[in-house]
Amino acid sequence: MEYMRGEQVYEGEFLDGKLVVNGIDYKALSPAAKALAITKNGTHPDELNGWLYWEAQFPGETRWRKLWDLREEARKKRKS
């Protein structure tokens, strides 16, 4: 998984149900994105929807896909 912040790219992976980035465990996407993001004034944002920022590349695929889009696809399939 990747999270792009400007030109900086953070990589993470899911281990035991948690997102691990730089050796730190996060229970959800948003807290991880919020911890990595820094505003122009050098602080962390109060709110940040991690679903919009994290991307994943699956085996056999060449493109990265936003987790938000994957979640929406899954929701649509569930309703069908």
N, C-alpha and C. Protein backbone atom coordinates (compact mmCIF):
# COMPACT_ATOMS: atom_id res chain seq x y z
N MET A 1 0.84 -1.17 0.00
CA MET A 1 0.00 0.00 0.00
C MET A 1 0.88 1.23 0.00
N GLU A 2 0.36 2.28 -0.57
CA GLU A 2 1.10 3.53 -0.60
C GLU A 2 0.20 4.69 -0.19
N TYR A 3 0.85 5.69 0.38
CA TYR A 3 0.20 6.96 0.71
C TYR A 3 1.12 8.03 0.16
N MET A 4 0.62 8.84 -0.76
CA MET A 4 1.45 9.89 -1.35
C MET A 4 1.09 11.22 -0.73
N ARG A 5 2.10 11.90 -0.26
CA ARG A 5 1.92 13.23 0.34
C ARG A 5 2.90 14.14 -0.35
N GLY A 6 2.41 14.92 -1.32
CA GLY A 6 3.31 15.73 -2.12
C GLY A 6 4.22 14.80 -2.91
N GLU A 7 5.51 14.97 -2.75
CA GLU A 7 6.45 14.09 -3.44
C GLU A 7 6.91 12.94 -2.55
N GLN A 8 6.48 12.93 -1.32
CA GLN A 8 6.88 11.87 -0.40
C GLN A 8 5.89 10.71 -0.48
N VAL A 9 6.43 9.51 -0.53
CA VAL A 9 5.60 8.31 -0.62
C VAL A 9 5.85 7.46 0.62
N TYR A 10 4.78 7.06 1.29
CA TYR A 10 4.87 6.17 2.45
C TYR A 10 4.33 4.82 2.04
N GLU A 11 5.01 3.78 2.43
CA GLU A 11 4.54 2.44 2.15
C GLU A 11 4.12 1.77 3.44
N GLY A 12 3.05 0.99 3.37
CA GLY A 12 2.57 0.28 4.54
C GLY A 12 2.07 -1.08 4.14
N GLU A 13 1.78 -1.89 5.14
CA GLU A 13 1.21 -3.20 4.89
C GLU A 13 0.31 -3.58 6.05
N PHE A 14 -0.65 -4.46 5.76
CA PHE A 14 -1.53 -4.94 6.81
C PHE A 14 -0.92 -6.17 7.45
N LEU A 15 -0.76 -6.12 8.76
CA LEU A 15 -0.25 -7.24 9.53
C LEU A 15 -1.15 -7.42 10.74
N ASP A 16 -1.67 -8.61 10.91
CA ASP A 16 -2.55 -8.92 12.05
C ASP A 16 -3.69 -7.92 12.17
N GLY A 17 -4.26 -7.51 11.04
CA GLY A 17 -5.42 -6.63 11.05
C GLY A 17 -5.10 -5.16 11.29
N LYS A 18 -3.83 -4.81 11.31
CA LYS A 18 -3.45 -3.40 11.51
C LYS A 18 -2.59 -2.93 10.35
N LEU A 19 -2.68 -1.65 10.03
CA LEU A 19 -1.83 -1.05 9.03
C LEU A 19 -0.52 -0.67 9.70
N VAL A 20 0.59 -1.13 9.16
CA VAL A 20 1.90 -0.85 9.74
C VAL A 20 2.67 0.02 8.75
N VAL A 21 3.09 1.19 9.23
CA VAL A 21 3.86 2.13 8.42
C VAL A 21 5.06 2.57 9.25
N ASN A 22 6.24 2.41 8.70
CA ASN A 22 7.47 2.79 9.41
C ASN A 22 7.55 2.17 10.80
N GLY A 23 7.07 0.93 10.91
CA GLY A 23 7.13 0.21 12.18
C GLY A 23 6.08 0.60 13.20
N ILE A 24 5.16 1.47 12.84
CA ILE A 24 4.10 1.92 13.75
C ILE A 24 2.78 1.31 13.31
N ASP A 25 2.04 0.73 14.26
CA ASP A 25 0.74 0.12 13.99
C ASP A 25 -0.36 1.16 14.07
N TYR A 26 -1.28 1.11 13.11
CA TYR A 26 -2.46 1.96 13.11
C TYR A 26 -3.68 1.07 12.99
N LYS A 27 -4.73 1.39 13.71
CA LYS A 27 -5.95 0.58 13.68
C LYS A 27 -6.80 0.87 12.46
N ALA A 28 -6.54 1.98 11.78
CA ALA A 28 -7.37 2.37 10.63
C ALA A 28 -6.56 3.25 9.68
N LEU A 29 -7.10 3.44 8.48
CA LEU A 29 -6.42 4.22 7.45
C LEU A 29 -6.30 5.70 7.81
N SER A 30 -7.36 6.27 8.35
CA SER A 30 -7.36 7.71 8.63
C SER A 30 -6.34 8.12 9.68
N PRO A 31 -6.22 7.43 10.81
CA PRO A 31 -5.18 7.81 11.76
C PRO A 31 -3.76 7.72 11.17
N ALA A 32 -3.54 6.75 10.30
CA ALA A 32 -2.23 6.63 9.67
C ALA A 32 -1.97 7.81 8.74
N ALA A 33 -2.94 8.14 7.92
CA ALA A 33 -2.79 9.27 7.00
C ALA A 33 -2.60 10.57 7.77
N LYS A 34 -3.38 10.74 8.82
CA LYS A 34 -3.29 11.96 9.63
C LYS A 34 -1.92 12.09 10.29
N ALA A 35 -1.37 10.98 10.76
CA ALA A 35 -0.06 11.01 11.41
C ALA A 35 1.06 11.34 10.43
N LEU A 36 0.90 10.95 9.18
CA LEU A 36 1.94 11.18 8.18
C LEU A 36 1.83 12.55 7.52
N ALA A 37 0.63 13.09 7.46
CA ALA A 37 0.42 14.38 6.79
C ALA A 37 0.86 15.53 7.68
N ILE A 38 1.48 16.51 7.05
CA ILE A 38 1.88 17.72 7.77
C ILE A 38 1.40 18.92 6.95
N THR A 39 0.72 19.84 7.60
CA THR A 39 0.19 21.01 6.92
C THR A 39 1.31 21.99 6.59
N LYS A 40 0.97 23.04 5.86
CA LYS A 40 1.97 24.05 5.49
C LYS A 40 2.58 24.74 6.71
N ASN A 41 1.82 24.79 7.81
CA ASN A 41 2.35 25.44 9.01
C ASN A 41 3.05 24.44 9.94
N GLY A 42 3.24 23.19 9.46
CA GLY A 42 4.02 22.22 10.21
C GLY A 42 3.27 21.38 11.22
N THR A 43 1.95 21.46 11.20
CA THR A 43 1.15 20.67 12.14
C THR A 43 0.44 19.52 11.40
N HIS A 44 -0.13 18.62 12.16
CA HIS A 44 -0.92 17.55 11.56
C HIS A 44 -2.37 18.02 11.44
N PRO A 45 -3.06 17.62 10.36
CA PRO A 45 -4.45 18.06 10.21
C PRO A 45 -5.34 17.47 11.30
N ASP A 46 -6.41 18.19 11.63
CA ASP A 46 -7.37 17.70 12.64
C ASP A 46 -8.13 16.50 12.13
N GLU A 47 -8.52 16.52 10.87
CA GLU A 47 -9.29 15.43 10.27
C GLU A 47 -8.70 15.10 8.91
N LEU A 48 -8.69 13.83 8.57
CA LEU A 48 -8.22 13.40 7.26
C LEU A 48 -8.82 12.03 6.97
N ASN A 49 -9.49 11.90 5.83
CA ASN A 49 -10.10 10.64 5.46
C ASN A 49 -9.06 9.78 4.74
N GLY A 50 -8.52 8.81 5.43
CA GLY A 50 -7.48 7.96 4.88
C GLY A 50 -7.92 7.16 3.68
N TRP A 51 -9.21 6.88 3.55
CA TRP A 51 -9.71 6.14 2.39
C TRP A 51 -9.40 6.87 1.09
N LEU A 52 -9.30 8.19 1.15
CA LEU A 52 -9.04 8.99 -0.05
C LEU A 52 -7.57 9.05 -0.42
N TYR A 53 -6.69 8.71 0.50
CA TYR A 53 -5.26 8.89 0.27
C TYR A 53 -4.48 7.60 0.06
N TRP A 54 -4.89 6.51 0.70
CA TRP A 54 -4.16 5.26 0.57
C TRP A 54 -4.52 4.56 -0.72
N GLU A 55 -3.52 3.97 -1.37
CA GLU A 55 -3.70 3.23 -2.61
C GLU A 55 -3.10 1.84 -2.46
N ALA A 56 -3.59 0.91 -3.26
CA ALA A 56 -3.07 -0.46 -3.23
C ALA A 56 -2.85 -0.94 -4.66
N GLN A 57 -1.84 -1.77 -4.81
CA GLN A 57 -1.57 -2.43 -6.08
C GLN A 57 -1.65 -3.93 -5.83
N PHE A 58 -2.50 -4.59 -6.58
CA PHE A 58 -2.74 -6.01 -6.37
C PHE A 58 -1.87 -6.85 -7.30
N PRO A 59 -1.58 -8.08 -6.89
CA PRO A 59 -0.77 -8.95 -7.75
C PRO A 59 -1.36 -9.06 -9.15
N GLY A 60 -0.51 -8.96 -10.14
CA GLY A 60 -0.94 -9.05 -11.53
C GLY A 60 -1.45 -7.75 -12.12
N GLU A 61 -1.55 -6.70 -11.32
CA GLU A 61 -2.01 -5.40 -11.81
C GLU A 61 -0.83 -4.44 -11.88
N THR A 62 -0.88 -3.52 -12.84
CA THR A 62 0.19 -2.54 -12.99
C THR A 62 -0.18 -1.20 -12.37
N ARG A 63 -1.48 -0.96 -12.19
CA ARG A 63 -1.88 0.35 -11.66
C ARG A 63 -2.17 0.28 -10.16
N TRP A 64 -2.06 1.45 -9.55
CA TRP A 64 -2.42 1.60 -8.14
C TRP A 64 -3.85 2.09 -8.10
N ARG A 65 -4.63 1.59 -7.12
CA ARG A 65 -6.03 1.98 -7.00
C ARG A 65 -6.30 2.53 -5.61
N LYS A 66 -7.03 3.64 -5.57
CA LYS A 66 -7.38 4.23 -4.27
C LYS A 66 -8.30 3.27 -3.51
N LEU A 67 -8.06 3.16 -2.21
CA LEU A 67 -8.89 2.27 -1.40
C LEU A 67 -10.33 2.76 -1.36
N TRP A 68 -10.54 4.06 -1.47
CA TRP A 68 -11.89 4.62 -1.55
C TRP A 68 -12.65 3.98 -2.71
N ASP A 69 -12.00 3.92 -3.89
CA ASP A 69 -12.65 3.35 -5.06
C ASP A 69 -12.93 1.86 -4.87
N LEU A 70 -11.99 1.15 -4.28
CA LEU A 70 -12.19 -0.28 -4.03
C LEU A 70 -13.36 -0.51 -3.07
N ARG A 71 -13.45 0.34 -2.06
CA ARG A 71 -14.56 0.22 -1.10
C ARG A 71 -15.89 0.49 -1.79
N GLU A 72 -15.94 1.50 -2.65
CA GLU A 72 -17.18 1.81 -3.36
C GLU A 72 -17.58 0.66 -4.29
N GLU A 73 -16.60 0.06 -4.97
CA GLU A 73 -16.89 -1.09 -5.83
C GLU A 73 -17.48 -2.24 -5.00
N ALA A 74 -16.90 -2.49 -3.85
CA ALA A 74 -17.39 -3.57 -2.98
C ALA A 74 -18.81 -3.28 -2.50
N ARG A 75 -19.08 -2.03 -2.15
CA ARG A 75 -20.44 -1.65 -1.70
C ARG A 75 -21.46 -1.87 -2.80
N LYS A 76 -21.11 -1.50 -4.03
CA LYS A 76 -22.03 -1.67 -5.16
C LYS A 76 -22.30 -3.15 -5.41
N LYS A 77 -21.28 -3.98 -5.32
CA LYS A 77 -21.46 -5.41 -5.52
C LYS A 77 -22.34 -6.02 -4.45
N ARG A 78 -22.18 -5.54 -3.22
CA ARG A 78 -22.98 -6.04 -2.11
C ARG A 78 -24.45 -5.72 -2.28
N LYS A 79 -24.75 -4.54 -2.86
CA LYS A 79 -26.14 -4.13 -3.05
C LYS A 79 -26.79 -4.87 -4.21
N SER A 80 -25.99 -5.41 -5.12
CA SER A 80 -26.53 -6.13 -6.29
C SER A 80 -27.12 -7.46 -5.93
